[in-house]
Amino acid sequence: MKDTDQTLKQTLKGVIKKLNEKGFGFITPEEGGKDVFFHANDCTDGNFTGMQEGDVVTFVLGDSPKGPKATDVVLVAADVAEAA
């Protein structure tokens, strides 16, 4: 049933745990669970290069051939510890 795909999309919040210069990273979901993979192409605002480990983001949990991945990744707040 494809109609349920859109109803299941829920925006989640998390913290960037790891970033790689190759254009991908991992997000630790706020509610716990396994870290979620994301690619620079999944950043809706195109701000991958402006992101740092520890930044807060929102994302939608999606699927990929290799398992769960974050899509529609948006930077919410930069890591304040880095800025201080």
C-alpha atoms as a PDB file:
ATOM      1  CA  MET A   1       0.000   0.000   0.000  1.00  0.00           C
ATOM      2  CA  LYS A   2       1.832   3.105  -1.212  1.00  0.00           C
ATOM      3  CA  ASP A   3      -0.610   5.563   0.412  1.00  0.00           C
ATOM      4  CA  THR A   4       0.825   4.785   3.846  1.00  0.00           C
ATOM      5  CA  ASP A   5       4.332   5.857   2.786  1.00  0.00           C
ATOM      6  CA  GLN A   6       3.491   9.536   3.202  1.00  0.00           C
ATOM      7  CA  THR A   7       1.608   9.081   6.477  1.00  0.00           C
ATOM      8  CA  LEU A   8       4.588   7.265   7.992  1.00  0.00           C
ATOM      9  CA  LYS A   9       6.984  10.149   7.312  1.00  0.00           C
ATOM     10  CA  GLN A  10       7.695  11.776  10.630  1.00  0.00           C
ATOM     11  CA  THR A  11      10.245  14.492  11.255  1.00  0.00           C
ATOM     12  CA  LEU A  12      12.736  13.434  13.913  1.00  0.00           C
ATOM     13  CA  LYS A  13      15.465  15.322  15.737  1.00  0.00           C
ATOM     14  CA  GLY A  14      19.021  14.216  16.351  1.00  0.00           C
ATOM     15  CA  VAL A  15      22.660  15.179  16.724  1.00  0.00           C
ATOM     16  CA  ILE A  16      25.348  14.692  14.100  1.00  0.00           C
ATOM     17  CA  LYS A  17      27.670  12.073  15.542  1.00  0.00           C
ATOM     18  CA  LYS A  18      30.142  11.675  12.696  1.00  0.00           C
ATOM     19  CA  LEU A  19      30.881  13.487   9.435  1.00  0.00           C
ATOM     20  CA  ASN A  20      33.145  12.363   6.608  1.00  0.00           C
ATOM     21  CA  GLU A  21      34.860  14.525   4.005  1.00  0.00           C
ATOM     22  CA  LYS A  22      33.494  12.152   1.361  1.00  0.00           C
ATOM     23  CA  GLY A  23      30.022  13.640   1.856  1.00  0.00           C
ATOM     24  CA  PHE A  24      28.255  11.451   4.372  1.00  0.00           C
ATOM     25  CA  GLY A  25      27.726  11.139   8.093  1.00  0.00           C
ATOM     26  CA  PHE A  26      25.717   9.624  10.911  1.00  0.00           C
ATOM     27  CA  ILE A  27      22.998  11.097  13.114  1.00  0.00           C
ATOM     28  CA  THR A  28      22.182   9.902  16.642  1.00  0.00           C
ATOM     29  CA  PRO A  29      18.380  10.147  17.011  1.00  0.00           C
ATOM     30  CA  GLU A  30      17.143  12.157  20.009  1.00  0.00           C
ATOM     31  CA  GLU A  31      14.825   9.338  21.077  1.00  0.00           C
ATOM     32  CA  GLY A  32      17.676   6.803  21.047  1.00  0.00           C
ATOM     33  CA  GLY A  33      18.294   3.789  18.895  1.00  0.00           C
ATOM     34  CA  LYS A  34      20.910   3.107  16.263  1.00  0.00           C
ATOM     35  CA  ASP A  35      22.748   5.889  14.480  1.00  0.00           C
ATOM     36  CA  VAL A  36      21.279   6.758  11.077  1.00  0.00           C
ATOM     37  CA  PHE A  37      23.318   7.217   7.895  1.00  0.00           C
ATOM     38  CA  PHE A  38      22.872  10.326   5.735  1.00  0.00           C
ATOM     39  CA  HIS A  39      24.478  11.666   2.565  1.00  0.00           C
ATOM     40  CA  ALA A  40      25.203  15.288   1.608  1.00  0.00           C
ATOM     41  CA  ASN A  41      22.516  14.993  -1.088  1.00  0.00           C
ATOM     42  CA  ASP A  42      19.968  14.392   1.702  1.00  0.00           C
ATOM     43  CA  CYS A  43      20.515  17.897   3.158  1.00  0.00           C
ATOM     44  CA  THR A  44      17.535  19.931   1.970  1.00  0.00           C
ATOM     45  CA  ASP A  45      19.241  23.284   2.421  1.00  0.00           C
ATOM     46  CA  GLY A  46      22.475  22.152   0.752  1.00  0.00           C
ATOM     47  CA  ASN A  47      24.386  23.024   3.916  1.00  0.00           C
ATOM     48  CA  PHE A  48      26.404  19.815   4.377  1.00  0.00           C
ATOM     49  CA  THR A  49      29.726  21.686   4.305  1.00  0.00           C
ATOM     50  CA  GLY A  50      28.488  24.005   7.062  1.00  0.00           C
ATOM     51  CA  MET A  51      27.589  21.129   9.375  1.00  0.00           C
ATOM     52  CA  GLN A  52      29.805  19.896  12.197  1.00  0.00           C
ATOM     53  CA  GLU A  53      29.764  16.985  14.599  1.00  0.00           C
ATOM     54  CA  GLY A  54      27.511  17.908  17.535  1.00  0.00           C
ATOM     55  CA  ASP A  55      25.099  20.021  15.461  1.00  0.00           C
ATOM     56  CA  VAL A  56      21.371  19.472  15.989  1.00  0.00           C
ATOM     57  CA  VAL A  57      19.381  18.492  12.884  1.00  0.00           C
ATOM     58  CA  THR A  58      15.905  17.382  11.933  1.00  0.00           C
ATOM     59  CA  PHE A  59      15.404  14.545   9.468  1.00  0.00           C
ATOM     60  CA  VAL A  60      12.941  12.057   8.060  1.00  0.00           C
ATOM     61  CA  LEU A  61      13.743   8.376   8.453  1.00  0.00           C
ATOM     62  CA  GLY A  62      13.771   6.656   5.078  1.00  0.00           C
ATOM     63  CA  ASP A  63      14.967   3.428   3.526  1.00  0.00           C
ATOM     64  CA  SER A  64      17.872   2.607   1.261  1.00  0.00           C
ATOM     65  CA  PRO A  65      19.127  -0.656  -0.236  1.00  0.00           C
ATOM     66  CA  LYS A  66      21.603  -0.870   2.668  1.00  0.00           C
ATOM     67  CA  GLY A  67      19.097  -0.096   5.431  1.00  0.00           C
ATOM     68  CA  PRO A  68      17.626   2.957   7.173  1.00  0.00           C
ATOM     69  CA  LYS A  69      18.878   6.410   6.212  1.00  0.00           C
ATOM     70  CA  ALA A  70      18.049  10.001   7.025  1.00  0.00           C
ATOM     71  CA  THR A  71      16.471  12.166   4.332  1.00  0.00           C
ATOM     72  CA  ASP A  72      15.386  15.821   4.345  1.00  0.00           C
ATOM     73  CA  VAL A  73      18.208  16.674   6.782  1.00  0.00           C
ATOM     74  CA  VAL A  74      18.032  20.283   8.027  1.00  0.00           C
ATOM     75  CA  LEU A  75      20.456  22.046  10.375  1.00  0.00           C
ATOM     76  CA  VAL A  76      18.554  23.319  13.432  1.00  0.00           C
ATOM     77  CA  ALA A  77      21.343  24.557  15.682  1.00  0.00           C
ATOM     78  CA  ALA A  78      25.102  24.579  15.479  1.00  0.00           C
ATOM     79  CA  ASP A  79      27.012  22.989  18.334  1.00  0.00           C
ATOM     80  CA  VAL A  80      27.261  25.807  20.900  1.00  0.00           C
ATOM     81  CA  ALA A  81      30.274  24.163  22.561  1.00  0.00           C
ATOM     82  CA  GLU A  82      32.244  24.617  19.314  1.00  0.00           C
ATOM     83  CA  ALA A  83      31.258  28.282  19.046  1.00  0.00           C
ATOM     84  CA  ALA A  84      32.242  29.132  22.627  1.00  0.00           C
END
